[in-house]
Amino acid sequence: MIDFSFIDVTSVDYWYDEGYAQSQRALRCLTESEWEGLARAWASQPLEWQDRLAYILGDGLELRESELLVDVYVAGHPDVAMTAAEGLRSMSLEHLRMAVARRLLSGSAACRDWEHCASANELLQLVAPNR
């Protein structure tokens, strides 16, 4: 079971100064089962928590982080999705392609040309056309 307190929502100033790095380190130490719990339950957390999750996932060093960030972008509250989009747009196009591949390859036939997208915005439009 995952302990969602690895992202502190008590202090804005502290979180952006120190808590961000601590939350990021904690995220990288999650076990596979904790990671699966996070992927299933992130949307049930308060919006501020979700926004901070999107912020730390934005570094996207691991593919599973980037894939979850795509999920946050697609399914999250519009404000949280904006934070997710910023993180996704900061990734290399190749890394972003890998992050969206799972979602697009299991999706509709309209997404068959995803590998030919020339920008992050085109990929994000394929993943979530209504955003």
N, C-alpha and C. Protein backbone atom coordinates (compact mmCIF):
# COMPACT_ATOMS: atom_id res chain seq x y z
N MET A 1 0.84 -1.19 0.00
CA MET A 1 0.00 0.00 0.00
C MET A 1 0.88 1.25 0.00
N ILE A 2 0.49 2.20 -0.78
CA ILE A 2 1.29 3.42 -0.89
C ILE A 2 0.91 4.44 0.18
N ASP A 3 1.91 5.12 0.69
CA ASP A 3 1.71 6.20 1.65
C ASP A 3 1.75 7.51 0.86
N PHE A 4 0.60 8.14 0.67
CA PHE A 4 0.51 9.33 -0.16
C PHE A 4 1.13 10.57 0.49
N SER A 5 1.61 10.44 1.71
CA SER A 5 2.22 11.60 2.37
C SER A 5 3.60 11.94 1.83
N PHE A 6 4.09 11.17 0.84
CA PHE A 6 5.40 11.51 0.28
C PHE A 6 5.35 12.85 -0.45
N ILE A 7 4.15 13.32 -0.74
CA ILE A 7 3.99 14.68 -1.28
C ILE A 7 3.30 15.50 -0.20
N ASP A 8 4.03 16.46 0.33
CA ASP A 8 3.54 17.31 1.41
C ASP A 8 2.74 18.46 0.81
N VAL A 9 1.54 18.68 1.32
CA VAL A 9 0.71 19.78 0.82
C VAL A 9 0.49 20.85 1.89
N THR A 10 1.32 20.84 2.92
CA THR A 10 1.09 21.78 4.02
C THR A 10 1.70 23.16 3.76
N SER A 11 2.79 23.25 3.05
CA SER A 11 3.44 24.53 2.87
C SER A 11 3.89 24.72 1.42
N VAL A 12 3.42 25.77 0.80
CA VAL A 12 3.78 26.02 -0.59
C VAL A 12 5.25 26.40 -0.70
N ASP A 13 5.69 27.38 0.09
CA ASP A 13 7.08 27.83 0.01
C ASP A 13 8.06 26.70 0.30
N TYR A 14 7.82 25.98 1.38
CA TYR A 14 8.72 24.88 1.74
C TYR A 14 8.74 23.82 0.65
N TRP A 15 7.58 23.50 0.10
CA TRP A 15 7.53 22.42 -0.88
C TRP A 15 8.37 22.77 -2.11
N TYR A 16 8.25 23.97 -2.62
CA TYR A 16 9.02 24.33 -3.81
C TYR A 16 10.50 24.53 -3.50
N ASP A 17 10.85 24.84 -2.25
CA ASP A 17 12.26 24.99 -1.88
C ASP A 17 12.91 23.65 -1.55
N GLU A 18 12.26 22.84 -0.74
CA GLU A 18 12.85 21.59 -0.25
C GLU A 18 11.98 20.37 -0.51
N GLY A 19 10.70 20.50 -0.30
CA GLY A 19 9.80 19.36 -0.38
C GLY A 19 9.75 18.72 -1.76
N TYR A 20 9.93 19.54 -2.79
CA TYR A 20 9.93 19.02 -4.16
C TYR A 20 10.99 17.94 -4.32
N ALA A 21 12.20 18.24 -3.93
CA ALA A 21 13.31 17.27 -4.08
C ALA A 21 13.07 16.04 -3.20
N GLN A 22 12.55 16.24 -2.01
CA GLN A 22 12.27 15.10 -1.13
C GLN A 22 11.17 14.22 -1.73
N SER A 23 10.14 14.84 -2.26
CA SER A 23 9.05 14.08 -2.88
C SER A 23 9.55 13.33 -4.10
N GLN A 24 10.41 13.96 -4.87
CA GLN A 24 10.96 13.32 -6.05
C GLN A 24 11.81 12.10 -5.68
N ARG A 25 12.63 12.24 -4.64
CA ARG A 25 13.44 11.10 -4.18
C ARG A 25 12.54 9.97 -3.69
N ALA A 26 11.49 10.32 -2.95
CA ALA A 26 10.56 9.30 -2.44
C ALA A 26 9.86 8.59 -3.60
N LEU A 27 9.48 9.34 -4.63
CA LEU A 27 8.83 8.76 -5.80
C LEU A 27 9.74 7.72 -6.45
N ARG A 28 11.00 8.03 -6.55
CA ARG A 28 11.96 7.13 -7.21
C ARG A 28 12.26 5.89 -6.39
N CYS A 29 11.89 5.91 -5.11
CA CYS A 29 12.14 4.76 -4.23
C CYS A 29 10.91 3.86 -4.08
N LEU A 30 9.82 4.18 -4.76
CA LEU A 30 8.62 3.37 -4.63
C LEU A 30 8.86 1.96 -5.16
N THR A 31 8.31 0.99 -4.46
CA THR A 31 8.35 -0.38 -4.95
C THR A 31 7.40 -0.52 -6.13
N GLU A 32 7.48 -1.61 -6.82
CA GLU A 32 6.58 -1.84 -7.96
C GLU A 32 5.12 -1.84 -7.51
N SER A 33 4.84 -2.46 -6.37
CA SER A 33 3.46 -2.50 -5.90
C SER A 33 2.99 -1.11 -5.45
N GLU A 34 3.87 -0.31 -4.85
CA GLU A 34 3.51 1.06 -4.48
C GLU A 34 3.26 1.89 -5.74
N TRP A 35 4.09 1.66 -6.76
CA TRP A 35 3.94 2.39 -8.01
C TRP A 35 2.58 2.07 -8.65
N GLU A 36 2.21 0.80 -8.62
CA GLU A 36 0.92 0.40 -9.17
C GLU A 36 -0.22 1.04 -8.38
N GLY A 37 -0.06 1.12 -7.05
CA GLY A 37 -1.06 1.78 -6.22
C GLY A 37 -1.17 3.26 -6.55
N LEU A 38 -0.04 3.89 -6.79
CA LEU A 38 -0.04 5.31 -7.17
C LEU A 38 -0.75 5.49 -8.51
N ALA A 39 -0.46 4.65 -9.47
CA ALA A 39 -1.08 4.76 -10.79
C ALA A 39 -2.59 4.57 -10.72
N ARG A 40 -3.05 3.73 -9.81
CA ARG A 40 -4.49 3.49 -9.66
C ARG A 40 -5.20 4.59 -8.88
N ALA A 41 -4.51 5.21 -7.93
CA ALA A 41 -5.21 6.06 -6.96
C ALA A 41 -4.84 7.54 -6.98
N TRP A 42 -3.99 7.99 -7.86
CA TRP A 42 -3.57 9.39 -7.84
C TRP A 42 -4.77 10.34 -7.97
N ALA A 43 -5.75 9.95 -8.78
CA ALA A 43 -6.89 10.84 -9.04
C ALA A 43 -7.79 11.03 -7.83
N SER A 44 -7.64 10.18 -6.82
CA SER A 44 -8.48 10.31 -5.63
C SER A 44 -7.87 11.27 -4.60
N GLN A 45 -6.70 11.78 -4.88
CA GLN A 45 -6.04 12.71 -3.97
C GLN A 45 -6.51 14.14 -4.23
N PRO A 46 -6.32 15.04 -3.26
CA PRO A 46 -6.72 16.45 -3.46
C PRO A 46 -6.01 17.06 -4.68
N LEU A 47 -6.62 18.06 -5.29
CA LEU A 47 -6.07 18.67 -6.50
C LEU A 47 -4.66 19.22 -6.29
N GLU A 48 -4.40 19.84 -5.14
CA GLU A 48 -3.06 20.37 -4.89
C GLU A 48 -2.03 19.24 -4.89
N TRP A 49 -2.38 18.11 -4.32
CA TRP A 49 -1.50 16.95 -4.30
C TRP A 49 -1.27 16.46 -5.73
N GLN A 50 -2.34 16.36 -6.51
CA GLN A 50 -2.22 15.91 -7.90
C GLN A 50 -1.32 16.85 -8.71
N ASP A 51 -1.48 18.14 -8.49
CA ASP A 51 -0.66 19.11 -9.20
C ASP A 51 0.82 18.94 -8.85
N ARG A 52 1.10 18.70 -7.60
CA ARG A 52 2.49 18.48 -7.19
C ARG A 52 3.02 17.17 -7.75
N LEU A 53 2.18 16.16 -7.83
CA LEU A 53 2.60 14.91 -8.46
C LEU A 53 2.98 15.18 -9.91
N ALA A 54 2.14 15.89 -10.64
CA ALA A 54 2.44 16.20 -12.04
C ALA A 54 3.75 16.97 -12.15
N TYR A 55 3.98 17.86 -11.22
CA TYR A 55 5.21 18.66 -11.23
C TYR A 55 6.45 17.78 -11.07
N ILE A 56 6.40 16.84 -10.13
CA ILE A 56 7.59 16.00 -9.94
C ILE A 56 7.71 14.94 -11.02
N LEU A 57 6.61 14.50 -11.60
CA LEU A 57 6.68 13.55 -12.70
C LEU A 57 7.24 14.22 -13.96
N GLY A 58 7.21 15.53 -14.00
CA GLY A 58 7.67 16.27 -15.17
C GLY A 58 9.12 16.06 -15.52
N ASP A 59 9.92 15.61 -14.56
CA ASP A 59 11.31 15.32 -14.89
C ASP A 59 11.40 14.08 -15.75
N GLY A 60 10.46 13.16 -15.59
CA GLY A 60 10.31 12.02 -16.46
C GLY A 60 11.56 11.22 -16.74
N LEU A 61 12.39 11.02 -15.73
CA LEU A 61 13.61 10.27 -15.96
C LEU A 61 13.35 8.81 -16.26
N GLU A 62 12.29 8.27 -15.69
CA GLU A 62 11.94 6.88 -15.93
C GLU A 62 10.69 6.84 -16.78
N LEU A 63 10.60 5.86 -17.65
CA LEU A 63 9.46 5.75 -18.55
C LEU A 63 8.15 5.64 -17.79
N ARG A 64 8.14 4.91 -16.68
CA ARG A 64 6.89 4.76 -15.93
C ARG A 64 6.41 6.09 -15.38
N GLU A 65 7.33 6.99 -15.05
CA GLU A 65 6.95 8.34 -14.60
C GLU A 65 6.29 9.10 -15.74
N SER A 66 6.90 9.02 -16.90
CA SER A 66 6.36 9.74 -18.06
C SER A 66 5.01 9.17 -18.48
N GLU A 67 4.87 7.86 -18.43
CA GLU A 67 3.58 7.25 -18.78
C GLU A 67 2.49 7.68 -17.81
N LEU A 68 2.82 7.75 -16.53
CA LEU A 68 1.83 8.21 -15.55
C LEU A 68 1.50 9.67 -15.79
N LEU A 69 2.49 10.46 -16.16
CA LEU A 69 2.24 11.86 -16.45
C LEU A 69 1.29 12.01 -17.64
N VAL A 70 1.41 11.15 -18.63
CA VAL A 70 0.46 11.15 -19.75
C VAL A 70 -0.94 10.85 -19.23
N ASP A 71 -1.06 9.88 -18.34
CA ASP A 71 -2.37 9.56 -17.75
C ASP A 71 -2.93 10.75 -16.98
N VAL A 72 -2.08 11.45 -16.23
CA VAL A 72 -2.51 12.64 -15.48
C VAL A 72 -2.98 13.72 -16.47
N TYR A 73 -2.26 13.87 -17.56
CA TYR A 73 -2.65 14.85 -18.58
C TYR A 73 -4.03 14.52 -19.16
N VAL A 74 -4.24 13.28 -19.48
CA VAL A 74 -5.49 12.87 -20.13
C VAL A 74 -6.68 12.92 -19.17
N ALA A 75 -6.48 12.43 -17.95
CA ALA A 75 -7.62 12.24 -17.03
C ALA A 75 -7.71 13.26 -15.91
N GLY A 76 -6.72 14.10 -15.76
CA GLY A 76 -6.69 15.01 -14.63
C GLY A 76 -7.57 16.24 -14.81
N HIS A 77 -7.81 16.89 -13.69
CA HIS A 77 -8.50 18.18 -13.67
C HIS A 77 -7.75 19.12 -14.62
N PRO A 78 -8.43 20.05 -15.29
CA PRO A 78 -7.75 20.93 -16.25
C PRO A 78 -6.52 21.65 -15.69
N ASP A 79 -6.56 22.10 -14.45
CA ASP A 79 -5.39 22.77 -13.87
C ASP A 79 -4.23 21.80 -13.71
N VAL A 80 -4.52 20.58 -13.30
CA VAL A 80 -3.49 19.56 -13.13
C VAL A 80 -2.97 19.13 -14.51
N ALA A 81 -3.87 19.02 -15.46
CA ALA A 81 -3.48 18.65 -16.83
C ALA A 81 -2.53 19.68 -17.42
N MET A 82 -2.72 20.94 -17.08
CA MET A 82 -1.82 21.98 -17.57
C MET A 82 -0.41 21.77 -17.03
N THR A 83 -0.29 21.46 -15.75
CA THR A 83 1.02 21.18 -15.16
C THR A 83 1.63 19.95 -15.84
N ALA A 84 0.81 18.93 -16.08
CA ALA A 84 1.29 17.72 -16.76
C ALA A 84 1.76 18.06 -18.17
N ALA A 85 1.01 18.87 -18.88
CA ALA A 85 1.39 19.24 -20.25
C ALA A 85 2.73 19.96 -20.27
N GLU A 86 2.96 20.83 -19.30
CA GLU A 86 4.24 21.54 -19.24
C GLU A 86 5.39 20.55 -19.09
N GLY A 87 5.21 19.56 -18.22
CA GLY A 87 6.25 18.55 -18.04
C GLY A 87 6.44 17.71 -19.29
N LEU A 88 5.35 17.33 -19.94
CA LEU A 88 5.44 16.52 -21.15
C LEU A 88 6.11 17.29 -22.29
N ARG A 89 5.80 18.55 -22.40
CA ARG A 89 6.41 19.37 -23.47
C ARG A 89 7.90 19.60 -23.24
N SER A 90 8.36 19.45 -22.01
CA SER A 90 9.78 19.65 -21.74
C SER A 90 10.62 18.41 -22.06
N MET A 91 9.97 17.28 -22.32
CA MET A 91 10.68 16.05 -22.64
C MET A 91 11.14 16.06 -24.09
N SER A 92 12.14 15.25 -24.38
CA SER A 92 12.53 15.09 -25.78
C SER A 92 11.36 14.44 -26.51
N LEU A 93 11.25 14.70 -27.79
CA LEU A 93 10.15 14.14 -28.58
C LEU A 93 10.21 12.62 -28.57
N GLU A 94 11.40 12.05 -28.63
CA GLU A 94 11.53 10.59 -28.63
C GLU A 94 11.04 9.99 -27.31
N HIS A 95 11.41 10.62 -26.20
CA HIS A 95 10.95 10.13 -24.89
C HIS A 95 9.43 10.26 -24.77
N LEU A 96 8.90 11.36 -25.24
CA LEU A 96 7.45 11.57 -25.20
C LEU A 96 6.75 10.53 -26.07
N ARG A 97 7.31 10.20 -27.21
CA ARG A 97 6.72 9.16 -28.06
C ARG A 97 6.64 7.84 -27.31
N MET A 98 7.71 7.50 -26.60
CA MET A 98 7.69 6.25 -25.82
C MET A 98 6.64 6.31 -24.73
N ALA A 99 6.48 7.48 -24.10
CA ALA A 99 5.53 7.63 -23.01
C ALA A 99 4.08 7.51 -23.48
N VAL A 100 3.79 7.97 -24.68
CA VAL A 100 2.42 7.91 -25.17
C VAL A 100 2.13 6.61 -25.93
N ALA A 101 3.15 5.85 -26.26
CA ALA A 101 2.97 4.65 -27.09
C ALA A 101 1.97 3.67 -26.49
N ARG A 102 2.09 3.38 -25.20
CA ARG A 102 1.19 2.41 -24.56
C ARG A 102 -0.26 2.84 -24.73
N ARG A 103 -0.54 4.09 -24.50
CA ARG A 103 -1.91 4.59 -24.58
C ARG A 103 -2.39 4.60 -26.04
N LEU A 104 -1.56 5.04 -26.95
CA LEU A 104 -2.00 5.14 -28.34
C LEU A 104 -2.10 3.78 -29.01
N LEU A 105 -1.19 2.90 -28.71
CA LEU A 105 -1.22 1.59 -29.37
C LEU A 105 -2.41 0.76 -28.91
N SER A 106 -2.92 1.06 -27.72
CA SER A 106 -4.11 0.34 -27.26
C SER A 106 -5.38 1.11 -27.57
N GLY A 107 -5.23 2.24 -28.26
CA GLY A 107 -6.38 3.10 -28.54
C GLY A 107 -6.94 2.90 -29.94
N SER A 108 -7.50 3.94 -30.47
CA SER A 108 -8.22 3.87 -31.74
C SER A 108 -7.28 3.86 -32.94
N ALA A 109 -7.83 3.47 -34.06
CA ALA A 109 -7.06 3.44 -35.30
C ALA A 109 -6.68 4.85 -35.74
N ALA A 110 -7.38 5.86 -35.27
CA ALA A 110 -7.05 7.24 -35.63
C ALA A 110 -5.66 7.63 -35.17
N CYS A 111 -5.11 6.87 -34.25
CA CYS A 111 -3.81 7.21 -33.69
C CYS A 111 -2.67 6.47 -34.37
N ARG A 112 -2.93 5.84 -35.50
CA ARG A 112 -1.89 4.99 -36.11
C ARG A 112 -0.67 5.77 -36.60
N ASP A 113 -0.80 7.05 -36.82
CA ASP A 113 0.33 7.84 -37.31
C ASP A 113 1.08 8.57 -36.21
N TRP A 114 0.96 8.12 -34.98
CA TRP A 114 1.57 8.82 -33.84
C TRP A 114 3.09 8.93 -33.97
N GLU A 115 3.71 7.97 -34.61
CA GLU A 115 5.18 8.00 -34.72
C GLU A 115 5.64 9.13 -35.64
N HIS A 116 4.74 9.66 -36.45
CA HIS A 116 5.09 10.70 -37.41
C HIS A 116 4.83 12.11 -36.89
N CYS A 117 4.35 12.22 -35.68
CA CYS A 117 4.11 13.54 -35.10
C CYS A 117 5.43 14.29 -34.99
N ALA A 118 5.42 15.54 -35.37
CA ALA A 118 6.65 16.34 -35.39
C ALA A 118 6.84 17.19 -34.15
N SER A 119 5.85 17.19 -33.25
CA SER A 119 5.98 18.04 -32.06
C SER A 119 5.25 17.40 -30.87
N ALA A 120 5.61 17.88 -29.70
CA ALA A 120 4.94 17.42 -28.48
C ALA A 120 3.46 17.78 -28.54
N ASN A 121 3.14 18.95 -29.05
CA ASN A 121 1.74 19.37 -29.12
C ASN A 121 0.91 18.43 -30.00
N GLU A 122 1.48 17.97 -31.11
CA GLU A 122 0.75 17.03 -31.98
C GLU A 122 0.49 15.72 -31.23
N LEU A 123 1.49 15.22 -30.50
CA LEU A 123 1.31 13.99 -29.74
C LEU A 123 0.25 14.17 -28.66
N LEU A 124 0.31 15.29 -27.95
CA LEU A 124 -0.66 15.53 -26.89
C LEU A 124 -2.07 15.66 -27.47
N GLN A 125 -2.18 16.22 -28.65
CA GLN A 125 -3.49 16.33 -29.29
C GLN A 125 -4.04 14.96 -29.65
N LEU A 126 -3.17 14.05 -30.08
CA LEU A 126 -3.61 12.68 -30.36
C LEU A 126 -4.08 11.96 -29.11
N VAL A 127 -3.33 12.16 -28.03
CA VAL A 127 -3.63 11.46 -26.78
C VAL A 127 -4.92 11.97 -26.15
N ALA A 128 -5.14 13.26 -26.21
CA ALA A 128 -6.32 13.86 -25.60
C ALA A 128 -6.86 14.94 -26.52
N PRO A 129 -7.61 14.55 -27.53
CA PRO A 129 -8.08 15.51 -28.53
C PRO A 129 -8.94 16.65 -27.98
N ASN A 130 -9.57 16.43 -26.84
CA ASN A 130 -10.45 17.46 -26.29
C ASN A 130 -9.78 18.39 -25.31
N ARG A 131 -8.49 18.28 -25.12
CA ARG A 131 -7.77 19.16 -24.18
C ARG A 131 -7.39 20.43 -24.87
